[in-house]
Amino acid sequence: MAERRGVDTKVYQPAEDSGLLASAVVDRGRGRLLEVGTGSGWVAERAVRDAEEVTEVVASDLSPHACHEARLRSVAATGDGTNVPPVFDVVRADLVDPFADDAFDTVAFNPPYLPTDPENEWDDWMEQALSGGETGRELVDPFIDSVGRVLAPGGVVLLLVSSLTGYEAVLDRAESRGFTHEVVVEESYPFETLSVVALTREGAERAADAGK
């Protein structure tokens, strides 16, 4: 985990997992897209630039530092920026909490997924961007539980999953919430395999939402 902290101590910068999620967004993203946990905003910018079927992008993050950097990226992507709105909106948010029901056709998330012993965690924003708690699923589980509320009928969730978090456990959670899955893109590295899975469901299965 220490190796992935890099030189920036506050905002997670694009890495292999970011590239995989961006590839999936370009391939499967459509309509109004929300990127949860946007970090630097790199994937959100890729969605605007390269995903032909995406019509609007909203990027969110709990970290104020990430939101600031993503806003700067969004403004810079306009070119000279003179009287031109940012290319994507940025919202400070805890997962999908502030967003309306059925608001997005695509929701993309590269969660903090590195399993971390609580005694070895750092109390800073970079740690929060990387650590998935003891199981690696500290944010994955509540995201799966809640994302169905903001997903429009026929929409798709693009979720990056690491083998370090327990791939089957993540998919079992998704299935319990009424989602079916397919792998969009996958890469193996010396210590883990990263996959982006597309989670979809029929509108009749919305009763599987969290709290129901």
C-alpha atoms as a PDB file:
ATOM      1  CA  MET A   1       0.000   0.000   0.000  1.00  0.00           C
ATOM      2  CA  ALA A   2       2.831   2.371   0.812  1.00  0.00           C
ATOM      3  CA  GLU A   3       4.183   1.959  -2.728  1.00  0.00           C
ATOM      4  CA  ARG A   4       0.861   3.170  -4.195  1.00  0.00           C
ATOM      5  CA  ARG A   5       0.846   6.374  -2.161  1.00  0.00           C
ATOM      6  CA  GLY A   6       3.281   7.937  -4.627  1.00  0.00           C
ATOM      7  CA  VAL A   7       4.450  11.525  -4.292  1.00  0.00           C
ATOM      8  CA  ASP A   8       1.013  13.089  -3.898  1.00  0.00           C
ATOM      9  CA  THR A   9      -0.150  12.681  -0.324  1.00  0.00           C
ATOM     10  CA  LYS A  10      -3.761  13.814  -0.810  1.00  0.00           C
ATOM     11  CA  VAL A  11      -5.205  12.789  -4.199  1.00  0.00           C
ATOM     12  CA  TYR A  12      -4.963   9.404  -5.902  1.00  0.00           C
ATOM     13  CA  GLN A  13      -3.381   9.749  -9.332  1.00  0.00           C
ATOM     14  CA  PRO A  14      -4.184   7.624 -12.435  1.00  0.00           C
ATOM     15  CA  ALA A  15      -2.713   4.120 -12.358  1.00  0.00           C
ATOM     16  CA  GLU A  16      -3.404   0.727 -13.939  1.00  0.00           C
ATOM     17  CA  ASP A  17      -6.797   0.426 -12.256  1.00  0.00           C
ATOM     18  CA  SER A  18      -7.788   3.884 -13.514  1.00  0.00           C
ATOM     19  CA  GLY A  19      -6.891   2.865 -17.060  1.00  0.00           C
ATOM     20  CA  LEU A  20      -9.015  -0.280 -16.833  1.00  0.00           C
ATOM     21  CA  LEU A  21     -12.034   1.639 -15.562  1.00  0.00           C
ATOM     22  CA  ALA A  22     -11.613   4.282 -18.260  1.00  0.00           C
ATOM     23  CA  SER A  23     -11.467   1.558 -20.904  1.00  0.00           C
ATOM     24  CA  ALA A  24     -14.711   0.069 -19.598  1.00  0.00           C
ATOM     25  CA  VAL A  25     -16.378   3.490 -19.507  1.00  0.00           C
ATOM     26  CA  VAL A  26     -15.423   4.177 -23.114  1.00  0.00           C
ATOM     27  CA  ASP A  27     -16.716   0.744 -24.132  1.00  0.00           C
ATOM     28  CA  ARG A  28     -19.916   0.531 -22.073  1.00  0.00           C
ATOM     29  CA  GLY A  29     -20.730   4.001 -20.755  1.00  0.00           C
ATOM     30  CA  ARG A  30     -23.817   5.768 -22.077  1.00  0.00           C
ATOM     31  CA  GLY A  31     -26.233   8.557 -21.243  1.00  0.00           C
ATOM     32  CA  ARG A  32     -25.763  10.430 -17.991  1.00  0.00           C
ATOM     33  CA  LEU A  33     -22.713   9.039 -16.184  1.00  0.00           C
ATOM     34  CA  LEU A  34     -21.648   9.341 -12.552  1.00  0.00           C
ATOM     35  CA  GLU A  35     -18.092   8.521 -11.562  1.00  0.00           C
ATOM     36  CA  VAL A  36     -17.949   7.839  -7.819  1.00  0.00           C
ATOM     37  CA  GLY A  37     -14.578   8.416  -6.153  1.00  0.00           C
ATOM     38  CA  THR A  38     -13.210  10.424  -9.049  1.00  0.00           C
ATOM     39  CA  GLY A  39      -9.872  11.325  -7.441  1.00  0.00           C
ATOM     40  CA  SER A  40      -8.042  13.537  -9.929  1.00  0.00           C
ATOM     41  CA  GLY A  41     -10.941  13.427 -12.408  1.00  0.00           C
ATOM     42  CA  TRP A  42      -8.906  11.592 -15.025  1.00  0.00           C
ATOM     43  CA  VAL A  43     -11.531   8.919 -15.756  1.00  0.00           C
ATOM     44  CA  ALA A  44     -14.305  11.527 -15.860  1.00  0.00           C
ATOM     45  CA  GLU A  45     -12.336  13.500 -18.444  1.00  0.00           C
ATOM     46  CA  ARG A  46     -11.802  10.339 -20.500  1.00  0.00           C
ATOM     47  CA  ALA A  47     -15.548   9.724 -20.397  1.00  0.00           C
ATOM     48  CA  VAL A  48     -16.233  13.199 -21.764  1.00  0.00           C
ATOM     49  CA  ARG A  49     -13.566  12.956 -24.431  1.00  0.00           C
ATOM     50  CA  ASP A  50     -13.771   9.354 -25.631  1.00  0.00           C
ATOM     51  CA  ALA A  51     -17.077   7.726 -24.627  1.00  0.00           C
ATOM     52  CA  GLU A  52     -19.262   8.446 -27.643  1.00  0.00           C
ATOM     53  CA  GLU A  53     -22.524   7.349 -26.046  1.00  0.00           C
ATOM     54  CA  VAL A  54     -22.048   9.354 -22.838  1.00  0.00           C
ATOM     55  CA  THR A  55     -24.030  12.603 -22.913  1.00  0.00           C
ATOM     56  CA  GLU A  56     -23.186  14.119 -19.518  1.00  0.00           C
ATOM     57  CA  VAL A  57     -20.662  13.405 -16.753  1.00  0.00           C
ATOM     58  CA  VAL A  58     -20.844  14.059 -13.020  1.00  0.00           C
ATOM     59  CA  ALA A  59     -17.785  13.273 -10.887  1.00  0.00           C
ATOM     60  CA  SER A  60     -17.964  12.870  -7.116  1.00  0.00           C
ATOM     61  CA  ASP A  61     -15.555  12.302  -4.251  1.00  0.00           C
ATOM     62  CA  LEU A  62     -15.653  12.602  -0.481  1.00  0.00           C
ATOM     63  CA  SER A  63     -12.215  14.222  -0.388  1.00  0.00           C
ATOM     64  CA  PRO A  64     -12.238  18.010  -0.761  1.00  0.00           C
ATOM     65  CA  HIS A  65      -8.727  17.804  -2.209  1.00  0.00           C
ATOM     66  CA  ALA A  66      -9.876  15.383  -4.906  1.00  0.00           C
ATOM     67  CA  CYS A  67     -12.882  17.574  -5.723  1.00  0.00           C
ATOM     68  CA  HIS A  68     -10.603  20.597  -6.094  1.00  0.00           C
ATOM     69  CA  GLU A  69      -8.196  18.780  -8.402  1.00  0.00           C
ATOM     70  CA  ALA A  70     -11.037  17.298 -10.468  1.00  0.00           C
ATOM     71  CA  ARG A  71     -12.589  20.758 -10.903  1.00  0.00           C
ATOM     72  CA  LEU A  72      -9.269  22.138 -12.097  1.00  0.00           C
ATOM     73  CA  ARG A  73      -9.023  19.275 -14.603  1.00  0.00           C
ATOM     74  CA  SER A  74     -12.582  19.874 -15.788  1.00  0.00           C
ATOM     75  CA  VAL A  75     -11.920  23.569 -16.379  1.00  0.00           C
ATOM     76  CA  ALA A  76      -8.548  22.927 -18.052  1.00  0.00           C
ATOM     77  CA  ALA A  77     -10.186  20.474 -20.445  1.00  0.00           C
ATOM     78  CA  THR A  78     -12.235  23.308 -21.978  1.00  0.00           C
ATOM     79  CA  GLY A  79      -9.128  24.804 -23.586  1.00  0.00           C
ATOM     80  CA  ASP A  80      -8.818  28.500 -22.841  1.00  0.00           C
ATOM     81  CA  GLY A  81     -11.820  28.318 -20.520  1.00  0.00           C
ATOM     82  CA  THR A  82     -13.153  31.744 -21.506  1.00  0.00           C
ATOM     83  CA  ASN A  83     -16.897  31.815 -20.801  1.00  0.00           C
ATOM     84  CA  VAL A  84     -16.990  28.044 -21.286  1.00  0.00           C
ATOM     85  CA  PRO A  85     -18.495  25.811 -18.574  1.00  0.00           C
ATOM     86  CA  PRO A  86     -16.366  22.953 -17.185  1.00  0.00           C
ATOM     87  CA  VAL A  87     -16.628  19.770 -19.225  1.00  0.00           C
ATOM     88  CA  PHE A  88     -17.997  17.793 -16.260  1.00  0.00           C
ATOM     89  CA  ASP A  89     -19.612  18.660 -12.933  1.00  0.00           C
ATOM     90  CA  VAL A  90     -17.931  17.847  -9.623  1.00  0.00           C
ATOM     91  CA  VAL A  91     -19.852  17.127  -6.423  1.00  0.00           C
ATOM     92  CA  ARG A  92     -18.475  16.380  -2.977  1.00  0.00           C
ATOM     93  CA  ALA A  93     -20.383  13.299  -1.903  1.00  0.00           C
ATOM     94  CA  ASP A  94     -20.279  10.150   0.201  1.00  0.00           C
ATOM     95  CA  LEU A  95     -20.855   7.438  -2.417  1.00  0.00           C
ATOM     96  CA  VAL A  96     -24.285   8.100  -3.998  1.00  0.00           C
ATOM     97  CA  ASP A  97     -25.982   9.726  -0.988  1.00  0.00           C
ATOM     98  CA  PRO A  98     -26.921  13.165  -2.428  1.00  0.00           C
ATOM     99  CA  PHE A  99     -28.114  12.039  -5.842  1.00  0.00           C
ATOM    100  CA  ALA A 100     -31.703  11.594  -6.956  1.00  0.00           C
ATOM    101  CA  ASP A 101     -33.394   8.279  -7.662  1.00  0.00           C
ATOM    102  CA  ASP A 102     -32.980   6.963 -11.222  1.00  0.00           C
ATOM    103  CA  ALA A 103     -30.584   9.826 -12.033  1.00  0.00           C
ATOM    104  CA  PHE A 104     -27.846   8.018 -13.988  1.00  0.00           C
ATOM    105  CA  ASP A 105     -27.646   5.623 -16.915  1.00  0.00           C
ATOM    106  CA  THR A 106     -24.096   4.633 -15.973  1.00  0.00           C
ATOM    107  CA  VAL A 107     -22.341   4.620 -12.600  1.00  0.00           C
ATOM    108  CA  ALA A 108     -18.590   3.918 -12.527  1.00  0.00           C
ATOM    109  CA  PHE A 109     -16.510   3.275  -9.409  1.00  0.00           C
ATOM    110  CA  ASN A 110     -12.887   2.404  -8.731  1.00  0.00           C
ATOM    111  CA  PRO A 111     -13.168   1.914  -4.968  1.00  0.00           C
ATOM    112  CA  PRO A 112     -10.488   1.894  -2.304  1.00  0.00           C
ATOM    113  CA  TYR A 113      -9.873  -1.842  -2.210  1.00  0.00           C
ATOM    114  CA  LEU A 114      -6.547  -2.657  -0.563  1.00  0.00           C
ATOM    115  CA  PRO A 115      -7.092  -4.812   2.554  1.00  0.00           C
ATOM    116  CA  THR A 116      -5.457  -3.009   5.448  1.00  0.00           C
ATOM    117  CA  ASP A 117      -4.842  -3.946   9.056  1.00  0.00           C
ATOM    118  CA  PRO A 118      -6.452  -1.175  11.146  1.00  0.00           C
ATOM    119  CA  GLU A 119      -3.231  -0.869  13.158  1.00  0.00           C
ATOM    120  CA  ASN A 120      -1.313  -0.029   9.982  1.00  0.00           C
ATOM    121  CA  GLU A 121      -3.660   2.565   8.489  1.00  0.00           C
ATOM    122  CA  TRP A 122      -2.651   6.184   8.001  1.00  0.00           C
ATOM    123  CA  ASP A 123      -5.067   8.871   9.103  1.00  0.00           C
ATOM    124  CA  ASP A 124      -4.951  10.968   5.931  1.00  0.00           C
ATOM    125  CA  TRP A 125      -6.809  11.448   2.641  1.00  0.00           C
ATOM    126  CA  MET A 126      -4.492   9.221   0.637  1.00  0.00           C
ATOM    127  CA  GLU A 127      -5.095   6.348   3.031  1.00  0.00           C
ATOM    128  CA  GLN A 128      -8.825   6.841   2.566  1.00  0.00           C
ATOM    129  CA  ALA A 129      -8.339   6.740  -1.211  1.00  0.00           C
ATOM    130  CA  LEU A 130      -6.543   3.382  -0.996  1.00  0.00           C
ATOM    131  CA  SER A 131      -7.653   1.394   2.026  1.00  0.00           C
ATOM    132  CA  GLY A 132     -10.662  -0.903   1.805  1.00  0.00           C
ATOM    133  CA  GLY A 133     -10.484  -1.813   5.484  1.00  0.00           C
ATOM    134  CA  GLU A 134      -9.717  -5.308   6.751  1.00  0.00           C
ATOM    135  CA  THR A 135     -11.622  -7.089   3.966  1.00  0.00           C
ATOM    136  CA  GLY A 136     -10.975  -4.595   1.173  1.00  0.00           C
ATOM    137  CA  ARG A 137     -14.765  -4.209   0.846  1.00  0.00           C
ATOM    138  CA  GLU A 138     -15.432  -1.479   3.387  1.00  0.00           C
ATOM    139  CA  LEU A 139     -16.803   0.833   0.671  1.00  0.00           C
ATOM    140  CA  VAL A 140     -17.582  -1.778  -1.985  1.00  0.00           C
ATOM    141  CA  ASP A 141     -20.388  -3.320   0.070  1.00  0.00           C
ATOM    142  CA  PRO A 142     -22.290  -0.105   0.876  1.00  0.00           C
ATOM    143  CA  PHE A 143     -21.833   1.044  -2.706  1.00  0.00           C
ATOM    144  CA  ILE A 144     -23.433  -2.136  -4.048  1.00  0.00           C
ATOM    145  CA  ASP A 145     -26.197  -1.822  -1.462  1.00  0.00           C
ATOM    146  CA  SER A 146     -27.073   1.742  -2.478  1.00  0.00           C
ATOM    147  CA  VAL A 147     -26.195   2.230  -6.152  1.00  0.00           C
ATOM    148  CA  GLY A 148     -29.405   0.655  -7.441  1.00  0.00           C
ATOM    149  CA  ARG A 149     -31.388   3.613  -6.119  1.00  0.00           C
ATOM    150  CA  VAL A 150     -29.688   6.128  -8.423  1.00  0.00           C
ATOM    151  CA  LEU A 151     -29.466   3.830 -11.448  1.00  0.00           C
ATOM    152  CA  ALA A 152     -32.025   4.465 -14.178  1.00  0.00           C
ATOM    153  CA  PRO A 153     -33.980   1.466 -15.490  1.00  0.00           C
ATOM    154  CA  GLY A 154     -31.775  -0.393 -17.953  1.00  0.00           C
ATOM    155  CA  GLY A 155     -28.654   1.302 -16.578  1.00  0.00           C
ATOM    156  CA  VAL A 156     -25.258  -0.230 -15.907  1.00  0.00           C
ATOM    157  CA  VAL A 157     -22.782  -0.106 -13.026  1.00  0.00           C
ATOM    158  CA  LEU A 158     -19.094  -0.405 -13.963  1.00  0.00           C
ATOM    159  CA  LEU A 159     -17.271  -1.569 -10.839  1.00  0.00           C
ATOM    160  CA  LEU A 160     -13.557  -2.271 -10.575  1.00  0.00           C
ATOM    161  CA  VAL A 161     -12.901  -5.385  -8.492  1.00  0.00           C
ATOM    162  CA  SER A 162      -9.531  -6.619  -7.225  1.00  0.00           C
ATOM    163  CA  SER A 163      -8.841 -10.251  -6.450  1.00  0.00           C
ATOM    164  CA  LEU A 164      -7.430  -8.964  -3.138  1.00  0.00           C
ATOM    165  CA  THR A 165     -10.948  -8.054  -1.982  1.00  0.00           C
ATOM    166  CA  GLY A 166     -12.506 -11.451  -2.637  1.00  0.00           C
ATOM    167  CA  TYR A 167     -13.902 -11.473  -6.162  1.00  0.00           C
ATOM    168  CA  GLU A 168     -16.654 -13.994  -5.439  1.00  0.00           C
ATOM    169  CA  ALA A 169     -17.714 -12.148  -2.285  1.00  0.00           C
ATOM    170  CA  VAL A 170     -18.246  -8.975  -4.301  1.00  0.00           C
ATOM    171  CA  LEU A 171     -20.268 -10.781  -6.953  1.00  0.00           C
ATOM    172  CA  ASP A 172     -22.347 -12.593  -4.332  1.00  0.00           C
ATOM    173  CA  ARG A 173     -23.193  -9.223  -2.786  1.00  0.00           C
ATOM    174  CA  ALA A 174     -24.183  -7.844  -6.172  1.00  0.00           C
ATOM    175  CA  GLU A 175     -26.370 -10.855  -6.918  1.00  0.00           C
ATOM    176  CA  SER A 176     -28.096 -10.466  -3.555  1.00  0.00           C
ATOM    177  CA  ARG A 177     -29.087  -6.965  -4.660  1.00  0.00           C
ATOM    178  CA  GLY A 178     -30.611  -8.205  -7.906  1.00  0.00           C
ATOM    179  CA  PHE A 179     -27.666  -7.583 -10.240  1.00  0.00           C
ATOM    180  CA  THR A 180     -26.298  -9.847 -12.911  1.00  0.00           C
ATOM    181  CA  HIS A 181     -22.698  -9.382 -14.009  1.00  0.00           C
ATOM    182  CA  GLU A 182     -20.277  -9.753 -16.866  1.00  0.00           C
ATOM    183  CA  VAL A 183     -16.576  -8.963 -17.105  1.00  0.00           C
ATOM    184  CA  VAL A 184     -15.844  -6.005 -19.378  1.00  0.00           C
ATOM    185  CA  VAL A 185     -12.050  -5.931 -19.083  1.00  0.00           C
ATOM    186  CA  GLU A 186      -9.512  -7.777 -16.935  1.00  0.00           C
ATOM    187  CA  GLU A 187      -5.761  -7.663 -16.343  1.00  0.00           C
ATOM    188  CA  SER A 188      -3.495  -9.788 -14.172  1.00  0.00           C
ATOM    189  CA  TYR A 189      -0.471  -8.455 -12.286  1.00  0.00           C
ATOM    190  CA  PRO A 190       2.093 -10.210 -10.067  1.00  0.00           C
ATOM    191  CA  PHE A 191       0.048  -9.812  -6.873  1.00  0.00           C
ATOM    192  CA  GLU A 192      -3.542  -9.334  -8.039  1.00  0.00           C
ATOM    193  CA  THR A 193      -6.032  -9.517 -10.871  1.00  0.00           C
ATOM    194  CA  LEU A 194      -8.106  -6.435 -11.646  1.00  0.00           C
ATOM    195  CA  SER A 195     -11.482  -6.735 -13.348  1.00  0.00           C
ATOM    196  CA  VAL A 196     -14.145  -4.253 -14.312  1.00  0.00           C
ATOM    197  CA  VAL A 197     -17.542  -5.903 -14.077  1.00  0.00           C
ATOM    198  CA  ALA A 198     -20.737  -4.555 -15.600  1.00  0.00           C
ATOM    199  CA  LEU A 199     -23.652  -4.936 -13.182  1.00  0.00           C
ATOM    200  CA  THR A 200     -27.137  -4.763 -14.690  1.00  0.00           C
ATOM    201  CA  ARG A 201     -30.658  -5.703 -13.704  1.00  0.00           C
ATOM    202  CA  GLU A 202     -34.234  -5.492 -14.875  1.00  0.00           C
ATOM    203  CA  GLY A 203     -36.441  -2.723 -13.539  1.00  0.00           C
ATOM    204  CA  ALA A 204     -38.674  -5.290 -11.857  1.00  0.00           C
ATOM    205  CA  GLU A 205     -35.804  -6.228  -9.573  1.00  0.00           C
ATOM    206  CA  ARG A 206     -35.551  -2.809  -7.909  1.00  0.00           C
ATOM    207  CA  ALA A 207     -37.008  -4.313  -4.725  1.00  0.00           C
ATOM    208  CA  ALA A 208     -33.519  -5.625  -4.035  1.00  0.00           C
ATOM    209  CA  ASP A 209     -32.351  -2.098  -3.140  1.00  0.00           C
ATOM    210  CA  ALA A 210     -30.758  -1.450   0.225  1.00  0.00           C
ATOM    211  CA  GLY A 211     -33.216  -1.343   3.077  1.00  0.00           C
ATOM    212  CA  LYS A 212     -35.907  -3.309   1.275  1.00  0.00           C
END
